[in-house]
N, C-alpha and C. Protein backbone atom coordinates (compact mmCIF):
# COMPACT_ATOMS: atom_id res chain seq x y z
N MET A 1 -18.81 74.85 0.42
CA MET A 1 -17.98 75.41 -1.03
C MET A 1 -18.36 76.70 -1.07
N SER A 2 -17.99 77.70 -1.38
CA SER A 2 -17.67 79.04 -2.29
C SER A 2 -17.80 79.30 -3.25
N ALA A 3 -17.83 80.06 -4.70
CA ALA A 3 -17.75 80.45 -5.67
C ALA A 3 -16.26 80.09 -5.41
N ASP A 4 -16.05 81.41 -4.77
CA ASP A 4 -14.28 81.18 -4.25
C ASP A 4 -13.05 80.59 -4.74
N GLU A 5 -13.86 79.88 -3.87
CA GLU A 5 -12.78 78.31 -3.20
C GLU A 5 -13.79 77.07 -5.01
N THR A 6 -14.36 77.09 -5.23
CA THR A 6 -15.03 75.78 -6.38
C THR A 6 -13.75 76.75 -7.48
N ALA A 7 -13.82 77.54 -8.01
CA ALA A 7 -13.65 78.09 -9.10
C ALA A 7 -11.84 78.91 -8.76
N GLY A 8 -11.83 79.19 -8.10
CA GLY A 8 -10.10 79.45 -7.34
C GLY A 8 -10.09 80.92 -7.49
N GLY A 9 -11.18 81.33 -7.71
CA GLY A 9 -11.31 82.79 -7.84
C GLY A 9 -11.42 83.66 -8.86
N ASP A 10 -10.89 82.89 -9.93
CA ASP A 10 -10.93 84.00 -11.32
C ASP A 10 -11.54 83.19 -12.26
N GLU A 11 -11.68 81.94 -11.70
CA GLU A 11 -12.73 81.39 -13.03
C GLU A 11 -13.97 81.16 -12.54
N PRO A 12 -15.01 81.51 -13.48
CA PRO A 12 -16.30 81.46 -13.37
C PRO A 12 -16.57 80.02 -13.20
N VAL A 13 -17.81 80.29 -12.23
CA VAL A 13 -18.20 78.97 -11.48
C VAL A 13 -19.29 78.46 -12.75
N ARG A 14 -18.90 77.61 -13.06
CA ARG A 14 -19.25 76.40 -13.87
C ARG A 14 -20.79 75.19 -14.12
N LEU A 15 -21.71 75.99 -13.99
CA LEU A 15 -23.02 74.88 -13.47
C LEU A 15 -24.33 74.58 -14.82
N ALA A 16 -24.28 73.53 -14.48
CA ALA A 16 -24.38 72.43 -15.36
C ALA A 16 -25.45 71.79 -15.16
N PHE A 17 -26.69 71.94 -15.67
CA PHE A 17 -28.62 71.01 -15.96
C PHE A 17 -28.48 69.94 -17.23
N VAL A 18 -28.42 68.87 -16.08
CA VAL A 18 -28.96 67.56 -17.32
C VAL A 18 -29.69 67.12 -16.87
N CYS A 19 -30.48 66.62 -17.91
CA CYS A 19 -31.84 65.47 -18.25
C CYS A 19 -31.25 64.53 -19.24
N VAL A 20 -32.36 63.42 -19.70
CA VAL A 20 -31.84 62.04 -20.48
C VAL A 20 -32.47 63.07 -21.97
N GLN A 21 -33.21 63.51 -21.64
CA GLN A 21 -33.68 64.42 -23.27
C GLN A 21 -33.39 65.92 -23.51
N ASN A 22 -33.23 66.80 -22.70
CA ASN A 22 -32.99 67.99 -22.57
C ASN A 22 -34.02 68.98 -23.14
N ALA A 23 -35.21 68.42 -22.79
CA ALA A 23 -36.41 68.73 -23.24
C ALA A 23 -37.71 68.96 -22.31
N GLY A 24 -36.86 69.02 -20.91
CA GLY A 24 -38.01 69.55 -19.76
C GLY A 24 -37.32 69.32 -18.69
N ARG A 25 -37.21 69.00 -17.82
CA ARG A 25 -36.97 69.93 -16.44
C ARG A 25 -35.46 70.45 -16.45
N SER A 26 -34.03 69.84 -17.56
CA SER A 26 -33.18 70.41 -17.33
C SER A 26 -33.41 72.05 -18.61
N GLN A 27 -33.76 72.26 -19.30
CA GLN A 27 -34.86 73.03 -20.17
C GLN A 27 -35.04 74.22 -19.19
N MET A 28 -36.01 73.97 -18.32
CA MET A 28 -36.31 74.65 -16.83
C MET A 28 -35.26 74.94 -16.18
N SER A 29 -34.50 74.52 -16.00
CA SER A 29 -33.89 75.32 -14.76
C SER A 29 -32.74 75.15 -14.87
N TYR A 30 -31.76 75.44 -16.35
CA TYR A 30 -31.75 76.60 -17.37
C TYR A 30 -32.20 77.95 -17.67
N ALA A 31 -33.31 77.46 -17.37
CA ALA A 31 -33.76 78.92 -17.97
C ALA A 31 -33.81 79.96 -16.24
N PHE A 32 -34.06 79.11 -15.38
CA PHE A 32 -34.00 79.83 -13.97
C PHE A 32 -32.54 79.84 -13.44
N ALA A 33 -32.01 79.47 -14.14
CA ALA A 33 -30.61 79.24 -13.55
C ALA A 33 -29.77 80.87 -14.36
N GLN A 34 -30.71 80.89 -15.47
CA GLN A 34 -29.67 82.35 -16.53
C GLN A 34 -30.70 83.46 -15.69
N ARG A 35 -31.84 82.86 -15.17
CA ARG A 35 -32.91 85.00 -14.75
C ARG A 35 -32.04 84.38 -13.18
N GLU A 36 -32.18 84.20 -12.10
CA GLU A 36 -31.23 83.79 -11.28
C GLU A 36 -29.41 84.37 -11.26
N ALA A 37 -28.74 84.12 -12.48
CA ALA A 37 -27.46 84.26 -12.20
C ALA A 37 -27.97 85.98 -13.46
N GLU A 38 -29.02 86.34 -13.57
CA GLU A 38 -29.06 87.74 -14.01
C GLU A 38 -29.23 88.92 -12.90
N ARG A 39 -30.08 88.18 -12.09
CA ARG A 39 -30.51 89.36 -11.42
C ARG A 39 -29.35 89.08 -9.74
N ARG A 40 -28.82 88.43 -9.41
CA ARG A 40 -28.00 88.49 -8.70
C ARG A 40 -26.59 89.39 -9.13
N GLY A 41 -26.58 89.68 -10.61
CA GLY A 41 -25.63 90.26 -11.13
C GLY A 41 -23.90 89.77 -11.38
N LEU A 42 -24.53 88.47 -12.00
CA LEU A 42 -22.90 87.41 -11.66
C LEU A 42 -22.07 87.32 -12.87
N GLY A 43 -22.90 87.70 -14.17
CA GLY A 43 -22.06 88.69 -15.24
C GLY A 43 -20.97 87.20 -15.85
N ASP A 44 -19.93 87.32 -15.37
CA ASP A 44 -19.14 86.44 -16.08
C ASP A 44 -18.69 85.31 -14.80
N ARG A 45 -18.42 85.53 -13.77
CA ARG A 45 -19.28 85.10 -12.71
C ARG A 45 -19.24 83.26 -12.83
N VAL A 46 -20.06 83.05 -14.01
CA VAL A 46 -21.27 82.23 -13.90
C VAL A 46 -21.04 81.42 -15.12
N GLU A 47 -21.13 80.58 -15.72
CA GLU A 47 -21.04 79.66 -17.07
C GLU A 47 -21.65 78.45 -17.00
N LEU A 48 -23.11 78.95 -17.55
CA LEU A 48 -24.08 78.08 -17.56
C LEU A 48 -24.07 77.13 -19.10
N LEU A 49 -24.48 75.59 -18.81
CA LEU A 49 -24.17 74.60 -19.37
C LEU A 49 -25.85 73.63 -19.24
N THR A 50 -26.79 73.14 -20.40
CA THR A 50 -27.13 72.58 -20.46
C THR A 50 -27.72 71.51 -21.31
N GLY A 51 -28.09 70.34 -21.55
CA GLY A 51 -27.90 69.33 -22.60
C GLY A 51 -28.38 68.05 -21.56
N GLY A 52 -28.46 66.87 -22.93
CA GLY A 52 -29.02 65.73 -21.89
C GLY A 52 -28.51 64.40 -22.83
N THR A 53 -28.80 63.25 -22.08
CA THR A 53 -27.81 61.90 -22.44
C THR A 53 -27.82 61.54 -24.05
N HIS A 54 -29.41 61.57 -24.19
CA HIS A 54 -30.09 61.53 -25.41
C HIS A 54 -31.51 62.79 -25.91
N PRO A 55 -30.05 63.09 -26.21
CA PRO A 55 -31.47 64.68 -26.68
C PRO A 55 -32.55 64.20 -27.42
N ALA A 56 -33.50 65.08 -26.96
CA ALA A 56 -35.33 64.93 -28.40
C ALA A 56 -34.36 65.87 -29.56
N ASP A 57 -36.00 65.93 -30.09
CA ASP A 57 -35.73 66.89 -31.03
C ASP A 57 -36.39 67.81 -31.21
N HIS A 58 -37.38 68.48 -29.49
CA HIS A 58 -37.58 69.33 -29.61
C HIS A 58 -38.00 70.01 -27.74
N VAL A 59 -38.39 71.10 -27.31
CA VAL A 59 -38.36 70.98 -26.27
C VAL A 59 -39.91 70.84 -25.87
N HIS A 60 -40.45 70.11 -24.77
CA HIS A 60 -42.08 69.48 -24.48
C HIS A 60 -42.87 70.75 -24.67
N GLU A 61 -43.87 70.37 -24.98
CA GLU A 61 -44.40 71.67 -25.55
C GLU A 61 -45.72 72.02 -23.77
N GLU A 62 -45.44 71.02 -22.85
CA GLU A 62 -45.83 71.60 -21.61
C GLU A 62 -45.33 72.36 -20.94
N VAL A 63 -43.37 71.81 -21.19
CA VAL A 63 -42.95 73.16 -20.43
C VAL A 63 -42.90 74.15 -21.16
N VAL A 64 -42.49 73.91 -22.36
CA VAL A 64 -43.04 75.47 -23.08
C VAL A 64 -44.40 76.50 -22.85
N ASP A 65 -45.25 75.91 -22.46
CA ASP A 65 -45.98 76.78 -22.00
C ASP A 65 -46.07 76.71 -21.29
N THR A 66 -46.13 76.25 -20.41
CA THR A 66 -46.03 76.52 -18.91
C THR A 66 -44.96 77.61 -17.90
N MET A 67 -44.07 77.71 -18.34
CA MET A 67 -42.74 78.42 -18.59
C MET A 67 -42.77 80.30 -18.88
N ALA A 68 -44.27 79.97 -19.89
CA ALA A 68 -44.47 80.71 -20.54
C ALA A 68 -45.41 81.73 -19.83
N ASP A 69 -46.18 80.78 -18.90
CA ASP A 69 -46.79 81.04 -17.99
C ASP A 69 -46.44 81.75 -16.65
N ILE A 70 -45.15 82.24 -16.74
CA ILE A 70 -44.27 82.93 -15.80
C ILE A 70 -43.53 84.02 -16.74
N GLY A 71 -43.53 83.93 -17.65
CA GLY A 71 -42.86 84.95 -18.28
C GLY A 71 -41.30 84.61 -19.00
N ILE A 72 -41.17 83.36 -18.82
CA ILE A 72 -40.32 82.97 -19.39
C ILE A 72 -39.87 82.18 -21.05
N ASP A 73 -39.92 82.36 -22.01
CA ASP A 73 -39.58 81.64 -23.33
C ASP A 73 -38.68 80.80 -23.16
N VAL A 74 -39.62 79.72 -23.52
CA VAL A 74 -37.96 79.07 -24.41
C VAL A 74 -38.62 78.07 -25.05
N ALA A 75 -39.56 78.25 -26.18
CA ALA A 75 -39.99 78.10 -27.26
C ALA A 75 -38.62 77.82 -28.70
N GLY A 76 -38.08 78.33 -28.44
CA GLY A 76 -37.22 78.29 -29.53
C GLY A 76 -35.70 77.26 -29.34
N ARG A 77 -35.94 77.53 -27.74
CA ARG A 77 -33.99 76.56 -27.36
C ARG A 77 -34.89 74.74 -27.87
N THR A 78 -33.38 74.71 -28.50
CA THR A 78 -33.29 72.95 -29.07
C THR A 78 -32.39 72.50 -28.43
N PRO A 79 -33.04 71.08 -27.77
CA PRO A 79 -31.92 70.37 -27.02
C PRO A 79 -30.60 69.77 -27.96
N GLN A 80 -29.79 69.98 -26.86
CA GLN A 80 -28.66 69.24 -27.18
C GLN A 80 -27.77 68.25 -26.10
N LYS A 81 -26.95 67.99 -27.11
CA LYS A 81 -25.78 67.06 -26.16
C LYS A 81 -24.84 67.24 -25.32
N LEU A 82 -24.94 66.73 -24.43
CA LEU A 82 -23.37 67.07 -23.28
C LEU A 82 -22.36 66.40 -23.50
N THR A 83 -21.04 67.14 -23.33
CA THR A 83 -19.98 65.57 -23.62
C THR A 83 -19.04 65.74 -21.50
N ASP A 84 -18.81 64.13 -21.78
CA ASP A 84 -18.17 64.18 -20.72
C ASP A 84 -16.75 65.10 -20.78
N GLU A 85 -16.40 65.60 -21.16
CA GLU A 85 -15.45 66.48 -20.89
C GLU A 85 -16.01 68.01 -20.66
N GLN A 86 -17.19 68.45 -21.12
CA GLN A 86 -17.81 69.58 -20.65
C GLN A 86 -18.16 69.35 -19.19
N LEU A 87 -18.66 68.19 -19.30
CA LEU A 87 -19.35 68.16 -17.72
C LEU A 87 -18.52 67.86 -16.91
N ASN A 88 -17.22 67.07 -17.04
CA ASN A 88 -15.83 67.29 -15.92
C ASN A 88 -15.06 68.56 -16.28
N GLU A 89 -15.97 69.70 -16.93
CA GLU A 89 -15.05 71.03 -16.57
C GLU A 89 -15.67 72.12 -15.33
N CYS A 90 -16.94 71.20 -15.17
CA CYS A 90 -17.34 71.74 -14.22
C CYS A 90 -17.46 71.75 -12.77
N ASP A 91 -17.91 72.43 -12.33
CA ASP A 91 -18.08 72.93 -10.67
C ASP A 91 -19.34 72.08 -10.14
N TYR A 92 -20.63 72.41 -10.76
CA TYR A 92 -21.21 71.85 -10.12
C TYR A 92 -22.81 70.97 -11.44
N VAL A 93 -22.70 69.95 -11.51
CA VAL A 93 -23.45 69.18 -12.25
C VAL A 93 -25.00 68.93 -11.59
N ALA A 94 -26.46 69.45 -11.65
CA ALA A 94 -27.25 68.88 -11.38
C ALA A 94 -28.39 67.64 -12.15
N THR A 95 -28.18 67.06 -11.90
CA THR A 95 -28.94 65.95 -13.02
C THR A 95 -30.19 65.19 -12.67
N MET A 96 -31.07 64.71 -13.70
CA MET A 96 -31.98 64.57 -13.13
C MET A 96 -32.69 63.32 -13.97
N GLY A 97 -32.71 62.52 -13.70
CA GLY A 97 -32.90 61.77 -14.23
C GLY A 97 -31.53 60.64 -14.91
N CYS A 98 -30.37 61.08 -14.68
CA CYS A 98 -29.75 60.73 -15.53
C CYS A 98 -28.68 60.88 -14.67
N SER A 99 -28.68 59.93 -13.67
CA SER A 99 -27.47 60.32 -12.80
C SER A 99 -26.25 58.93 -12.63
N THR A 100 -26.61 58.44 -13.63
CA THR A 100 -25.52 57.29 -14.40
C THR A 100 -24.31 57.65 -14.43
N LEU A 101 -24.04 59.13 -14.62
CA LEU A 101 -23.19 60.09 -15.15
C LEU A 101 -21.91 59.96 -14.73
N SER A 102 -20.85 59.83 -14.90
CA SER A 102 -19.41 59.36 -14.75
C SER A 102 -18.92 60.50 -14.31
N LEU A 103 -18.82 61.22 -12.99
CA LEU A 103 -18.24 62.66 -13.38
C LEU A 103 -16.61 62.53 -12.79
N ALA A 104 -16.13 63.05 -12.99
CA ALA A 104 -14.75 63.18 -12.12
C ALA A 104 -14.80 63.82 -10.55
N ASP A 105 -14.10 63.81 -9.73
CA ASP A 105 -14.07 63.23 -8.17
C ASP A 105 -14.13 65.22 -7.80
N THR A 106 -13.56 65.97 -8.92
CA THR A 106 -13.84 67.69 -8.91
C THR A 106 -15.43 68.00 -8.64
N VAL A 107 -16.08 67.36 -9.50
CA VAL A 107 -17.59 67.97 -9.44
C VAL A 107 -18.99 67.69 -8.25
N GLN A 108 -19.24 68.87 -8.37
CA GLN A 108 -20.50 68.57 -7.35
C GLN A 108 -21.10 68.25 -8.14
N ALA A 109 -21.76 66.74 -7.24
CA ALA A 109 -22.76 66.19 -8.58
C ALA A 109 -24.30 66.65 -7.23
N ARG A 110 -25.28 66.84 -8.11
CA ARG A 110 -26.75 66.96 -6.74
C ARG A 110 -27.73 66.01 -8.37
N ASP A 111 -28.26 64.94 -7.59
CA ASP A 111 -29.02 64.18 -8.57
C ASP A 111 -31.00 64.75 -7.57
N TRP A 112 -30.91 65.64 -8.71
CA TRP A 112 -32.29 66.04 -8.75
C TRP A 112 -33.49 64.95 -8.96
N ALA A 113 -34.09 64.39 -8.18
CA ALA A 113 -35.59 63.58 -8.19
C ALA A 113 -36.93 63.97 -8.91
N LEU A 114 -36.55 64.27 -9.91
CA LEU A 114 -37.63 65.30 -10.15
C LEU A 114 -38.33 64.28 -11.20
N THR A 115 -39.86 64.43 -11.36
CA THR A 115 -40.61 64.17 -12.27
C THR A 115 -40.55 64.40 -13.41
N ASP A 116 -40.98 63.38 -14.74
CA ASP A 116 -40.49 63.98 -16.14
C ASP A 116 -41.76 64.57 -16.93
N PRO A 117 -42.03 66.29 -17.08
CA PRO A 117 -43.28 66.52 -17.88
C PRO A 117 -43.65 65.94 -18.56
N ASP A 118 -42.86 65.46 -19.35
CA ASP A 118 -43.66 64.82 -20.53
C ASP A 118 -44.76 64.28 -20.38
N GLY A 119 -46.22 64.62 -21.21
CA GLY A 119 -47.13 64.40 -21.14
C GLY A 119 -48.04 64.39 -19.89
N LYS A 120 -47.90 65.40 -18.90
CA LYS A 120 -48.22 65.46 -17.28
C LYS A 120 -49.52 66.80 -17.57
N SER A 121 -50.16 66.70 -16.56
CA SER A 121 -51.38 68.06 -17.09
C SER A 121 -50.52 69.50 -16.34
N PRO A 122 -50.95 70.49 -17.23
CA PRO A 122 -50.69 71.71 -16.53
C PRO A 122 -50.23 71.79 -15.21
N GLU A 123 -51.37 71.19 -14.20
CA GLU A 123 -51.04 71.72 -13.13
C GLU A 123 -49.68 70.61 -12.83
N GLU A 124 -49.50 69.82 -12.82
CA GLU A 124 -48.37 68.60 -12.52
C GLU A 124 -46.87 70.04 -13.38
N VAL A 125 -46.87 70.13 -14.34
CA VAL A 125 -45.38 70.78 -14.85
C VAL A 125 -45.40 71.97 -14.28
N ALA A 126 -46.65 73.15 -13.45
CA ALA A 126 -46.65 73.52 -12.91
C ALA A 126 -45.60 73.42 -11.69
N ALA A 127 -45.96 72.34 -10.54
CA ALA A 127 -45.78 71.98 -9.49
C ALA A 127 -43.96 71.38 -9.58
N ILE A 128 -43.56 71.07 -10.98
CA ILE A 128 -42.59 70.39 -11.32
C ILE A 128 -41.55 71.40 -11.71
N ARG A 129 -42.32 72.25 -12.34
CA ARG A 129 -41.55 73.90 -12.07
C ARG A 129 -40.91 74.79 -11.33
N ASP A 130 -41.77 74.57 -10.12
CA ASP A 130 -42.04 75.59 -8.68
C ASP A 130 -41.37 75.00 -8.11
N GLU A 131 -40.84 73.70 -8.22
CA GLU A 131 -40.14 72.71 -7.36
C GLU A 131 -38.48 73.31 -8.26
N ILE A 132 -37.89 73.10 -9.77
CA ILE A 132 -37.07 73.56 -9.73
C ILE A 132 -36.86 74.75 -9.60
N GLU A 133 -37.51 75.87 -9.91
CA GLU A 133 -36.66 77.01 -9.64
C GLU A 133 -36.38 77.28 -8.29
N GLY A 134 -37.03 76.15 -6.93
CA GLY A 134 -36.37 76.42 -5.80
C GLY A 134 -35.16 75.72 -5.31
N LEU A 135 -34.73 74.42 -6.05
CA LEU A 135 -33.94 73.68 -6.09
C LEU A 135 -32.59 75.21 -6.99
N VAL A 136 -32.53 75.48 -8.05
CA VAL A 136 -31.98 76.44 -8.89
C VAL A 136 -31.12 77.33 -7.60
N VAL A 137 -32.59 77.95 -7.32
CA VAL A 137 -32.21 78.98 -6.38
C VAL A 137 -31.11 78.71 -5.06
N ASP A 138 -31.63 77.38 -4.71
CA ASP A 138 -30.45 77.30 -3.83
C ASP A 138 -29.42 76.86 -4.40
N LEU A 139 -28.92 76.06 -5.10
CA LEU A 139 -27.90 75.21 -5.72
C LEU A 139 -26.97 77.60 -5.88
N PHE A 140 -27.80 78.24 -6.53
CA PHE A 140 -27.41 79.38 -6.64
C PHE A 140 -26.33 79.81 -5.03
N ASP A 141 -27.49 79.81 -4.46
CA ASP A 141 -26.48 79.67 -2.48
C ASP A 141 -25.65 78.67 -2.19
N GLU A 142 -25.70 78.11 -2.83
CA GLU A 142 -24.81 77.22 -2.22
C GLU A 142 -23.74 77.88 -2.81
N ALA A 143 -23.44 77.93 -4.46
CA ALA A 143 -22.33 77.79 -4.91
C ALA A 143 -22.00 79.53 -5.21
N PHE A 144 -22.55 80.08 -4.83
CA PHE A 144 -22.45 81.69 -4.35
C PHE A 144 -23.30 82.93 -3.63
N GLY A 145 -23.32 82.44 -2.54
CA GLY A 145 -23.87 82.83 -1.15
C GLY A 145 -24.54 83.31 -0.87
N ARG A 146 -26.00 82.97 -0.35
CA ARG A 146 -27.70 83.32 -0.02
C ARG A 146 -27.42 84.81 -0.37
N ASP A 147 -28.10 85.34 -1.63
CA ASP A 147 -28.52 86.17 -1.69
C ASP A 147 -29.61 86.84 -0.86
N GLU A 148 -29.63 88.13 -0.15
CA GLU A 148 -30.20 88.74 1.02
C GLU A 148 -30.74 89.58 -0.11
N GLY A 149 -30.01 90.59 -1.00
CA GLY A 149 -30.25 91.61 -2.23
C GLY A 149 -32.22 91.48 -2.41
N GLY A 150 -32.02 90.24 -3.01
CA GLY A 150 -33.73 89.84 -3.70
C GLY A 150 -34.91 89.72 -2.70
N ALA A 151 -34.37 88.97 -1.29
CA ALA A 151 -35.33 88.31 -0.63
C ALA A 151 -36.33 89.01 -0.52
N ASP A 152 -36.31 90.44 -0.24
CA ASP A 152 -37.60 91.23 0.00
C ASP A 152 -38.98 91.25 -1.45
N GLY A 153 -38.57 90.57 -2.15
CA GLY A 153 -39.45 90.23 -3.55
C GLY A 153 -38.32 91.53 -4.67
N ALA A 154 -37.26 91.03 -5.69
CA ALA A 154 -36.44 91.31 -6.16
C ALA A 154 -35.40 92.77 -6.21
N GLY A 155 -35.25 92.60 -4.85
CA GLY A 155 -34.89 93.89 -4.32
C GLY A 155 -35.02 95.15 -4.45
N ALA A 156 -36.83 95.14 -4.06
CA ALA A 156 -37.05 96.40 -4.53
C ALA A 156 -37.51 96.72 -3.02
C-alpha cells in the first residue's frame, strides 16, 4: 500500500512507534524515522509519533550512548504515553513488546519482535539499534516506495 493509497493523497502518512516504556526500542525507531523522513525530504507528507503503554521516566542510558555513537542525540527526550485514539488515527503502528494493543482495522500494524535493550551490553544494544534502523527503512519503503536516491550513500 503506497502513501497515497494509505492517506488518501492529501493527509500525511502517520507512523507510530510503540513499546512498553518508550525508553528504548521505540525511541530509537522514532529517531531513525525522523532521520529517514528528513533524508527523503518528506516534510509534511509524514507525521511521526512515539510512546509507550507504561512510560518510564527517562530514556535508557544504554540507548542514549548507543545512539550517540552514530551521531543521534536522544538524551533530552522524555518517554510519553500514546492514547488509543492517537494510535487509531495512524496509518502504520510498529509495536515492540506490546503487541496486545487493540488497533482499528484501518491501521497497518507491524509487530517487531525486538529484544529490550535495558541493561544490555553496548554490543547488544548496537545490534538492536542496527536491526531497528533496517526495519524503519523497510517501513518507509513500504509506506512511501523504495528510495532510490539514497541507495549510493546518501544520494551523493
